[in-house]
Amino acid sequence: MEPVPSELREGEAEERSETKTTRRETLETGSPPRRGPSPPLLILVRAPRRHRRDPLPILLKKPLRPRLWTVEELALYNGTEEGLPILLGILGSVFDVTKGRSHYGPGGGYHHFAGRDASRAFVSEIFQEVYNERYIFVGKLVGRYYDSQGNPTKYLKGVEAKAKRGAQLLEKQKIEEARIPSCNSRWSQQEGGKVWCDAGYPRLVKRPADIALTGKISQRCACLKEEELGRPGLEVYKECDYLSTSCKV
């Protein structure tokens, strides 16, 4: 018998060693080890849940960067899935409002606005809340206000012009209302409602800024001097004398 070259003996020994290692790793892990380049590392974390049943692993994500969103994509970020940010759109601009989860998450007063465009609340408290709290801008919603390239539509330009006009009227209205004091008011189940003026006469006054922005008539009770009662647009309370200082409502 010819002697086996030392190179072959060494190769066989190395192969047997690798085979033993493979079997050992298979027994320990339940699957054979991977060969070749290692796959990219994917980090999973489990989001805390109120109920321990069916915990859902989610990807550990970096802060969202501004991008274009579709309606379907935005709907996924409505606060019902813990661990995902809560997004909200206003006039096509999308904001991350996660830090306001108590308002925009399930059970919050503004939850029904989360995960969609809340432009119908443009002149309400939610619009002021989003900008006053300086929520993070994360992109634009493709649709009514922005096209597929992220450019503003004619509709958005029209809304912005209307909003600018409304802001001017609102500032004028604030100055006017600061000059003319509001009525005192009281309500009880026994006596009903009552408004009165310590100085002047109660009148219903239209609020032009609210009308311009919402299209709905809005009024407040103001106390006017006698020489001001001839101004146009003033309304006397029903069943109230012209020069009465108090009226039932």
C-alpha atoms as a PDB file:
ATOM      1  CA  MET A   1       0.000   0.000   0.000  1.00  0.00           C
ATOM      2  CA  GLU A   2       1.242   3.404  -0.969  1.00  0.00           C
ATOM      3  CA  PRO A   3       1.659   5.929   1.860  1.00  0.00           C
ATOM      4  CA  VAL A   4      -0.966   8.730   2.005  1.00  0.00           C
ATOM      5  CA  PRO A   5       0.548  12.136   1.355  1.00  0.00           C
ATOM      6  CA  SER A   6       0.724  14.336   4.438  1.00  0.00           C
ATOM      7  CA  GLU A   7      -1.329  17.056   2.646  1.00  0.00           C
ATOM      8  CA  LEU A   8      -4.289  14.662   2.293  1.00  0.00           C
ATOM      9  CA  ARG A   9      -4.049  13.499   5.923  1.00  0.00           C
ATOM     10  CA  GLU A  10      -4.131  17.109   7.105  1.00  0.00           C
ATOM     11  CA  GLY A  11      -7.093  17.895   4.825  1.00  0.00           C
ATOM     12  CA  GLU A  12      -9.081  14.903   6.103  1.00  0.00           C
ATOM     13  CA  ALA A  13      -8.367  15.863   9.690  1.00  0.00           C
ATOM     14  CA  GLU A  14      -9.561  19.402   9.075  1.00  0.00           C
ATOM     15  CA  GLU A  15     -12.729  18.145   7.354  1.00  0.00           C
ATOM     16  CA  ARG A  16     -13.480  15.768  10.261  1.00  0.00           C
ATOM     17  CA  SER A  17     -12.962  18.664  12.704  1.00  0.00           C
ATOM     18  CA  GLU A  18     -15.391  20.889  10.767  1.00  0.00           C
ATOM     19  CA  THR A  19     -17.933  18.061  10.628  1.00  0.00           C
ATOM     20  CA  LYS A  20     -17.771  17.606  14.405  1.00  0.00           C
ATOM     21  CA  THR A  21     -18.164  21.366  14.912  1.00  0.00           C
ATOM     22  CA  THR A  22     -21.161  21.439  12.570  1.00  0.00           C
ATOM     23  CA  ARG A  23     -22.859  18.568  14.405  1.00  0.00           C
ATOM     24  CA  ARG A  24     -22.217  20.184  17.792  1.00  0.00           C
ATOM     25  CA  GLU A  25     -23.632  23.557  16.664  1.00  0.00           C
ATOM     26  CA  THR A  26     -26.637  21.827  15.116  1.00  0.00           C
ATOM     27  CA  LEU A  27     -27.409  20.026  18.377  1.00  0.00           C
ATOM     28  CA  GLU A  28     -27.017  23.225  20.391  1.00  0.00           C
ATOM     29  CA  THR A  29     -29.025  25.572  18.128  1.00  0.00           C
ATOM     30  CA  GLY A  30     -31.398  23.220  16.341  1.00  0.00           C
ATOM     31  CA  SER A  31     -30.196  24.296  12.889  1.00  0.00           C
ATOM     32  CA  PRO A  32     -26.902  24.033  11.022  1.00  0.00           C
ATOM     33  CA  PRO A  33     -24.637  27.086  11.177  1.00  0.00           C
ATOM     34  CA  ARG A  34     -24.648  29.508   8.247  1.00  0.00           C
ATOM     35  CA  ARG A  35     -21.629  29.631   6.006  1.00  0.00           C
ATOM     36  CA  GLY A  36     -20.360  32.552   4.037  1.00  0.00           C
ATOM     37  CA  PRO A  37     -20.812  36.267   4.815  1.00  0.00           C
ATOM     38  CA  SER A  38     -22.906  37.073   7.874  1.00  0.00           C
ATOM     39  CA  PRO A  39     -26.380  38.524   7.085  1.00  0.00           C
ATOM     40  CA  PRO A  40     -27.220  42.130   8.095  1.00  0.00           C
ATOM     41  CA  LEU A  41     -28.140  42.467  11.750  1.00  0.00           C
ATOM     42  CA  LEU A  42     -31.845  43.214  12.323  1.00  0.00           C
ATOM     43  CA  ILE A  43     -32.653  44.480  15.797  1.00  0.00           C
ATOM     44  CA  LEU A  44     -36.118  43.664  17.128  1.00  0.00           C
ATOM     45  CA  VAL A  45     -37.648  44.988  20.295  1.00  0.00           C
ATOM     46  CA  ARG A  46     -40.942  44.204  21.936  1.00  0.00           C
ATOM     47  CA  ALA A  47     -43.185  47.176  22.530  1.00  0.00           C
ATOM     48  CA  PRO A  48     -44.749  47.375  25.995  1.00  0.00           C
ATOM     49  CA  ARG A  49     -48.436  46.543  25.962  1.00  0.00           C
ATOM     50  CA  ARG A  50     -51.259  46.924  28.389  1.00  0.00           C
ATOM     51  CA  HIS A  51     -52.075  43.234  27.863  1.00  0.00           C
ATOM     52  CA  ARG A  52     -49.439  40.561  27.758  1.00  0.00           C
ATOM     53  CA  ARG A  53     -51.272  38.503  25.195  1.00  0.00           C
ATOM     54  CA  ASP A  54     -49.859  38.376  21.688  1.00  0.00           C
ATOM     55  CA  PRO A  55     -46.919  40.797  22.072  1.00  0.00           C
ATOM     56  CA  LEU A  56     -45.873  42.195  18.685  1.00  0.00           C
ATOM     57  CA  PRO A  57     -42.192  42.646  17.853  1.00  0.00           C
ATOM     58  CA  ILE A  58     -41.496  45.894  16.001  1.00  0.00           C
ATOM     59  CA  LEU A  59     -38.457  47.311  14.300  1.00  0.00           C
ATOM     60  CA  LEU A  60     -36.339  49.734  16.279  1.00  0.00           C
ATOM     61  CA  LYS A  61     -36.718  52.841  14.109  1.00  0.00           C
ATOM     62  CA  LYS A  62     -34.842  56.087  13.819  1.00  0.00           C
ATOM     63  CA  PRO A  63     -36.743  59.421  13.927  1.00  0.00           C
ATOM     64  CA  LEU A  64     -38.824  59.928  10.803  1.00  0.00           C
ATOM     65  CA  ARG A  65     -37.362  62.097   8.092  1.00  0.00           C
ATOM     66  CA  PRO A  66     -39.530  64.425   5.958  1.00  0.00           C
ATOM     67  CA  ARG A  67     -40.970  62.553   2.983  1.00  0.00           C
ATOM     68  CA  LEU A  68     -44.091  62.216   0.847  1.00  0.00           C
ATOM     69  CA  TRP A  69     -46.919  60.195   2.424  1.00  0.00           C
ATOM     70  CA  THR A  70     -49.928  58.469   0.924  1.00  0.00           C
ATOM     71  CA  VAL A  71     -53.288  58.348   2.683  1.00  0.00           C
ATOM     72  CA  GLU A  72     -52.866  54.606   3.246  1.00  0.00           C
ATOM     73  CA  GLU A  73     -49.413  55.015   4.791  1.00  0.00           C
ATOM     74  CA  LEU A  74     -50.526  57.806   7.103  1.00  0.00           C
ATOM     75  CA  ALA A  75     -53.452  55.718   8.336  1.00  0.00           C
ATOM     76  CA  LEU A  76     -51.017  53.202   9.887  1.00  0.00           C
ATOM     77  CA  TYR A  77     -49.748  55.833  12.341  1.00  0.00           C
ATOM     78  CA  ASN A  78     -52.998  56.517  14.177  1.00  0.00           C
ATOM     79  CA  GLY A  79     -51.769  55.681  17.669  1.00  0.00           C
ATOM     80  CA  THR A  80     -53.429  52.271  17.970  1.00  0.00           C
ATOM     81  CA  GLU A  81     -50.120  50.426  17.627  1.00  0.00           C
ATOM     82  CA  GLU A  82     -47.853  51.135  20.580  1.00  0.00           C
ATOM     83  CA  GLY A  83     -44.246  51.655  19.599  1.00  0.00           C
ATOM     84  CA  LEU A  84     -45.121  53.417  16.355  1.00  0.00           C
ATOM     85  CA  PRO A  85     -45.214  57.227  16.212  1.00  0.00           C
ATOM     86  CA  ILE A  86     -48.519  59.081  15.925  1.00  0.00           C
ATOM     87  CA  LEU A  87     -48.830  61.242  12.818  1.00  0.00           C
ATOM     88  CA  LEU A  88     -51.361  63.882  11.889  1.00  0.00           C
ATOM     89  CA  GLY A  89     -51.850  66.032   8.797  1.00  0.00           C
ATOM     90  CA  ILE A  90     -52.969  69.651   8.583  1.00  0.00           C
ATOM     91  CA  LEU A  91     -53.494  71.163   5.143  1.00  0.00           C
ATOM     92  CA  GLY A  92     -51.299  68.415   3.723  1.00  0.00           C
ATOM     93  CA  SER A  93     -48.391  68.966   6.122  1.00  0.00           C
ATOM     94  CA  VAL A  94     -47.678  65.876   8.257  1.00  0.00           C
ATOM     95  CA  PHE A  95     -46.529  66.201  11.878  1.00  0.00           C
ATOM     96  CA  ASP A  96     -45.255  63.728  14.452  1.00  0.00           C
ATOM     97  CA  VAL A  97     -47.492  64.343  17.475  1.00  0.00           C
ATOM     98  CA  THR A  98     -46.302  61.347  19.504  1.00  0.00           C
ATOM     99  CA  LYS A  99     -45.355  63.485  22.511  1.00  0.00           C
ATOM    100  CA  GLY A 100     -49.016  64.453  22.710  1.00  0.00           C
ATOM    101  CA  ARG A 101     -50.135  60.810  22.994  1.00  0.00           C
ATOM    102  CA  SER A 102     -52.506  61.676  25.850  1.00  0.00           C
ATOM    103  CA  HIS A 103     -54.436  63.827  23.347  1.00  0.00           C
ATOM    104  CA  TYR A 104     -53.931  61.940  20.078  1.00  0.00           C
ATOM    105  CA  GLY A 105     -53.681  58.344  21.306  1.00  0.00           C
ATOM    106  CA  PRO A 106     -56.640  56.027  22.016  1.00  0.00           C
ATOM    107  CA  GLY A 107     -58.996  57.654  24.496  1.00  0.00           C
ATOM    108  CA  GLY A 108     -57.655  61.146  23.811  1.00  0.00           C
ATOM    109  CA  GLY A 109     -59.881  64.009  22.755  1.00  0.00           C
ATOM    110  CA  TYR A 110     -58.171  64.345  19.358  1.00  0.00           C
ATOM    111  CA  HIS A 111     -57.634  60.644  18.621  1.00  0.00           C
ATOM    112  CA  HIS A 112     -60.091  60.682  15.704  1.00  0.00           C
ATOM    113  CA  PHE A 113     -57.750  63.112  13.903  1.00  0.00           C
ATOM    114  CA  ALA A 114     -54.669  60.850  14.216  1.00  0.00           C
ATOM    115  CA  GLY A 115     -53.454  59.019  11.133  1.00  0.00           C
ATOM    116  CA  ARG A 116     -55.193  61.347   8.685  1.00  0.00           C
ATOM    117  CA  ASP A 117     -55.486  64.939   7.539  1.00  0.00           C
ATOM    118  CA  ALA A 118     -57.273  67.044  10.165  1.00  0.00           C
ATOM    119  CA  SER A 119     -57.759  70.133   8.010  1.00  0.00           C
ATOM    120  CA  ARG A 120     -61.392  70.480   9.008  1.00  0.00           C
ATOM    121  CA  ALA A 121     -60.031  71.519  12.417  1.00  0.00           C
ATOM    122  CA  PHE A 122     -57.958  74.262  10.801  1.00  0.00           C
ATOM    123  CA  VAL A 123     -59.482  77.054  12.881  1.00  0.00           C
ATOM    124  CA  SER A 124     -60.045  75.011  16.001  1.00  0.00           C
ATOM    125  CA  GLU A 125     -57.898  74.283  19.036  1.00  0.00           C
ATOM    126  CA  ILE A 126     -56.095  71.372  17.379  1.00  0.00           C
ATOM    127  CA  PHE A 127     -54.527  73.670  14.771  1.00  0.00           C
ATOM    128  CA  GLN A 128     -53.193  75.966  17.478  1.00  0.00           C
ATOM    129  CA  GLU A 129     -52.062  72.973  19.547  1.00  0.00           C
ATOM    130  CA  VAL A 130     -49.940  71.491  16.738  1.00  0.00           C
ATOM    131  CA  TYR A 131     -48.082  74.714  16.038  1.00  0.00           C
ATOM    132  CA  ASN A 132     -47.831  75.972  19.609  1.00  0.00           C
ATOM    133  CA  GLU A 133     -46.320  72.674  20.763  1.00  0.00           C
ATOM    134  CA  ARG A 134     -43.836  72.757  17.844  1.00  0.00           C
ATOM    135  CA  TYR A 135     -44.472  69.193  16.773  1.00  0.00           C
ATOM    136  CA  ILE A 136     -41.965  67.771  14.299  1.00  0.00           C
ATOM    137  CA  PHE A 137     -42.688  68.179  10.594  1.00  0.00           C
ATOM    138  CA  VAL A 138     -42.236  64.809   8.859  1.00  0.00           C
ATOM    139  CA  GLY A 139     -43.406  65.461   5.321  1.00  0.00           C
ATOM    140  CA  LYS A 140     -46.325  66.119   3.008  1.00  0.00           C
ATOM    141  CA  LEU A 141     -49.504  64.170   2.298  1.00  0.00           C
ATOM    142  CA  VAL A 142     -50.113  63.515  -1.384  1.00  0.00           C
ATOM    143  CA  GLY A 143     -53.664  64.367  -2.374  1.00  0.00           C
ATOM    144  CA  ARG A 144     -55.764  67.477  -2.104  1.00  0.00           C
ATOM    145  CA  TYR A 145     -53.059  69.869  -0.962  1.00  0.00           C
ATOM    146  CA  TYR A 146     -49.859  68.459  -2.510  1.00  0.00           C
ATOM    147  CA  ASP A 147     -49.292  66.617  -5.780  1.00  0.00           C
ATOM    148  CA  SER A 148     -47.190  63.489  -6.261  1.00  0.00           C
ATOM    149  CA  GLN A 149     -44.055  65.639  -6.555  1.00  0.00           C
ATOM    150  CA  GLY A 150     -44.730  67.494  -3.304  1.00  0.00           C
ATOM    151  CA  ASN A 151     -45.774  70.733  -4.994  1.00  0.00           C
ATOM    152  CA  PRO A 152     -48.694  72.744  -3.529  1.00  0.00           C
ATOM    153  CA  THR A 153     -51.951  72.464  -5.430  1.00  0.00           C
ATOM    154  CA  LYS A 154     -54.205  75.328  -6.470  1.00  0.00           C
ATOM    155  CA  TYR A 155     -56.562  74.315  -3.688  1.00  0.00           C
ATOM    156  CA  LEU A 156     -53.876  74.770  -1.040  1.00  0.00           C
ATOM    157  CA  LYS A 157     -52.943  78.176  -2.438  1.00  0.00           C
ATOM    158  CA  GLY A 158     -56.582  79.217  -2.219  1.00  0.00           C
ATOM    159  CA  VAL A 159     -56.870  78.003   1.367  1.00  0.00           C
ATOM    160  CA  GLU A 160     -53.678  79.847   2.335  1.00  0.00           C
ATOM    161  CA  ALA A 161     -55.026  83.086   0.838  1.00  0.00           C
ATOM    162  CA  LYS A 162     -58.274  82.621   2.759  1.00  0.00           C
ATOM    163  CA  ALA A 163     -56.355  81.877   5.953  1.00  0.00           C
ATOM    164  CA  LYS A 164     -54.268  85.015   5.528  1.00  0.00           C
ATOM    165  CA  ARG A 165     -57.406  87.095   5.111  1.00  0.00           C
ATOM    166  CA  GLY A 166     -58.941  85.386   8.134  1.00  0.00           C
ATOM    167  CA  ALA A 167     -55.867  86.125  10.240  1.00  0.00           C
ATOM    168  CA  GLN A 168     -56.150  89.816   9.370  1.00  0.00           C
ATOM    169  CA  LEU A 169     -59.831  89.845  10.327  1.00  0.00           C
ATOM    170  CA  LEU A 170     -59.063  87.955  13.518  1.00  0.00           C
ATOM    171  CA  GLU A 171     -56.501  90.525  14.580  1.00  0.00           C
ATOM    172  CA  LYS A 172     -58.968  93.315  13.842  1.00  0.00           C
ATOM    173  CA  GLN A 173     -61.645  91.436  15.789  1.00  0.00           C
ATOM    174  CA  LYS A 174     -59.379  91.065  18.839  1.00  0.00           C
ATOM    175  CA  ILE A 175     -58.727  94.813  18.872  1.00  0.00           C
ATOM    176  CA  GLU A 176     -62.446  95.541  18.567  1.00  0.00           C
ATOM    177  CA  GLU A 177     -63.408  93.086  21.312  1.00  0.00           C
ATOM    178  CA  ALA A 178     -60.751  94.500  23.628  1.00  0.00           C
ATOM    179  CA  ARG A 179     -62.315  97.945  23.150  1.00  0.00           C
ATOM    180  CA  ILE A 180     -65.897  96.780  23.744  1.00  0.00           C
ATOM    181  CA  PRO A 181     -66.272  94.637  26.893  1.00  0.00           C
ATOM    182  CA  SER A 182     -68.230  91.392  26.899  1.00  0.00           C
ATOM    183  CA  CYS A 183     -71.417  90.911  28.891  1.00  0.00           C
ATOM    184  CA  ASN A 184     -71.586  89.211  32.230  1.00  0.00           C
ATOM    185  CA  SER A 185     -73.477  85.922  32.101  1.00  0.00           C
ATOM    186  CA  ARG A 186     -75.070  83.449  34.464  1.00  0.00           C
ATOM    187  CA  TRP A 187     -77.130  80.313  34.197  1.00  0.00           C
ATOM    188  CA  SER A 188     -79.079  78.271  36.743  1.00  0.00           C
ATOM    189  CA  GLN A 189     -81.599  75.488  36.387  1.00  0.00           C
ATOM    190  CA  GLN A 190     -84.171  77.473  38.345  1.00  0.00           C
ATOM    191  CA  GLU A 191     -83.812  80.843  36.591  1.00  0.00           C
ATOM    192  CA  GLY A 192     -82.312  79.882  33.253  1.00  0.00           C
ATOM    193  CA  GLY A 193     -79.765  82.096  31.521  1.00  0.00           C
ATOM    194  CA  LYS A 194     -79.110  85.789  32.012  1.00  0.00           C
ATOM    195  CA  VAL A 195     -76.705  88.367  30.544  1.00  0.00           C
ATOM    196  CA  TRP A 196     -76.131  91.872  31.902  1.00  0.00           C
ATOM    197  CA  CYS A 197     -73.845  94.862  31.659  1.00  0.00           C
ATOM    198  CA  ASP A 198     -72.377  96.869  34.526  1.00  0.00           C
ATOM    199  CA  ALA A 199     -71.976  99.763  32.091  1.00  0.00           C
ATOM    200  CA  GLY A 200     -73.814  99.864  28.777  1.00  0.00           C
ATOM    201  CA  TYR A 201     -76.472  97.727  27.121  1.00  0.00           C
ATOM    202  CA  PRO A 202     -76.222  94.072  26.019  1.00  0.00           C
ATOM    203  CA  ARG A 203     -76.221  93.432  22.287  1.00  0.00           C
ATOM    204  CA  LEU A 204     -75.379  90.456  20.088  1.00  0.00           C
ATOM    205  CA  VAL A 205     -72.410  91.359  17.868  1.00  0.00           C
ATOM    206  CA  LYS A 206     -71.295  89.317  14.844  1.00  0.00           C
ATOM    207  CA  ARG A 207     -67.716  88.073  14.730  1.00  0.00           C
ATOM    208  CA  PRO A 208     -66.479  88.604  11.131  1.00  0.00           C
ATOM    209  CA  ALA A 209     -63.287  86.558  11.489  1.00  0.00           C
ATOM    210  CA  ASP A 210     -65.183  83.423  12.484  1.00  0.00           C
ATOM    211  CA  ILE A 211     -67.609  83.904   9.610  1.00  0.00           C
ATOM    212  CA  ALA A 212     -64.770  84.369   7.095  1.00  0.00           C
ATOM    213  CA  LEU A 213     -62.896  81.271   8.251  1.00  0.00           C
ATOM    214  CA  THR A 214     -65.731  78.833   8.900  1.00  0.00           C
ATOM    215  CA  GLY A 215     -68.607  80.221   6.853  1.00  0.00           C
ATOM    216  CA  LYS A 216     -70.819  80.049   9.965  1.00  0.00           C
ATOM    217  CA  ILE A 217     -72.388  82.970  11.776  1.00  0.00           C
ATOM    218  CA  SER A 218     -70.799  83.573  15.161  1.00  0.00           C
ATOM    219  CA  GLN A 219     -71.898  86.153  17.732  1.00  0.00           C
ATOM    220  CA  ARG A 220     -70.920  87.357  21.178  1.00  0.00           C
ATOM    221  CA  CYS A 221     -72.679  89.455  23.795  1.00  0.00           C
ATOM    222  CA  ALA A 222     -71.101  92.903  24.135  1.00  0.00           C
ATOM    223  CA  CYS A 223     -71.872  95.926  26.318  1.00  0.00           C
ATOM    224  CA  LEU A 224     -72.299  99.045  24.167  1.00  0.00           C
ATOM    225  CA  LYS A 225     -72.797 102.643  25.104  1.00  0.00           C
ATOM    226  CA  GLU A 226     -76.104 104.295  24.216  1.00  0.00           C
ATOM    227  CA  GLU A 227     -74.540 106.338  21.407  1.00  0.00           C
ATOM    228  CA  GLU A 228     -73.216 103.127  19.850  1.00  0.00           C
ATOM    229  CA  LEU A 229     -76.551 101.320  19.670  1.00  0.00           C
ATOM    230  CA  GLY A 230     -77.228 102.605  16.157  1.00  0.00           C
ATOM    231  CA  ARG A 231     -74.303 100.687  14.654  1.00  0.00           C
ATOM    232  CA  PRO A 232     -75.271  98.250  11.874  1.00  0.00           C
ATOM    233  CA  GLY A 233     -75.256  94.539  12.621  1.00  0.00           C
ATOM    234  CA  LEU A 234     -76.267  94.782  16.279  1.00  0.00           C
ATOM    235  CA  GLU A 235     -79.044  92.504  17.526  1.00  0.00           C
ATOM    236  CA  VAL A 236     -81.286  93.044  20.571  1.00  0.00           C
ATOM    237  CA  TYR A 237     -82.056  89.959  22.634  1.00  0.00           C
ATOM    238  CA  LYS A 238     -85.590  88.676  22.207  1.00  0.00           C
ATOM    239  CA  GLU A 239     -88.076  89.885  24.832  1.00  0.00           C
ATOM    240  CA  CYS A 240     -85.541  92.406  26.087  1.00  0.00           C
ATOM    241  CA  ASP A 241     -86.191  96.162  26.225  1.00  0.00           C
ATOM    242  CA  TYR A 242     -84.090  98.375  23.983  1.00  0.00           C
ATOM    243  CA  LEU A 243     -82.413 100.136  26.936  1.00  0.00           C
ATOM    244  CA  SER A 244     -82.454  97.243  29.394  1.00  0.00           C
ATOM    245  CA  THR A 245     -79.137  96.499  31.085  1.00  0.00           C
ATOM    246  CA  SER A 246     -79.973  92.803  31.564  1.00  0.00           C
ATOM    247  CA  CYS A 247     -81.695  90.201  29.403  1.00  0.00           C
ATOM    248  CA  LYS A 248     -82.899  86.637  29.827  1.00  0.00           C
ATOM    249  CA  VAL A 249     -81.489  84.142  27.350  1.00  0.00           C
END
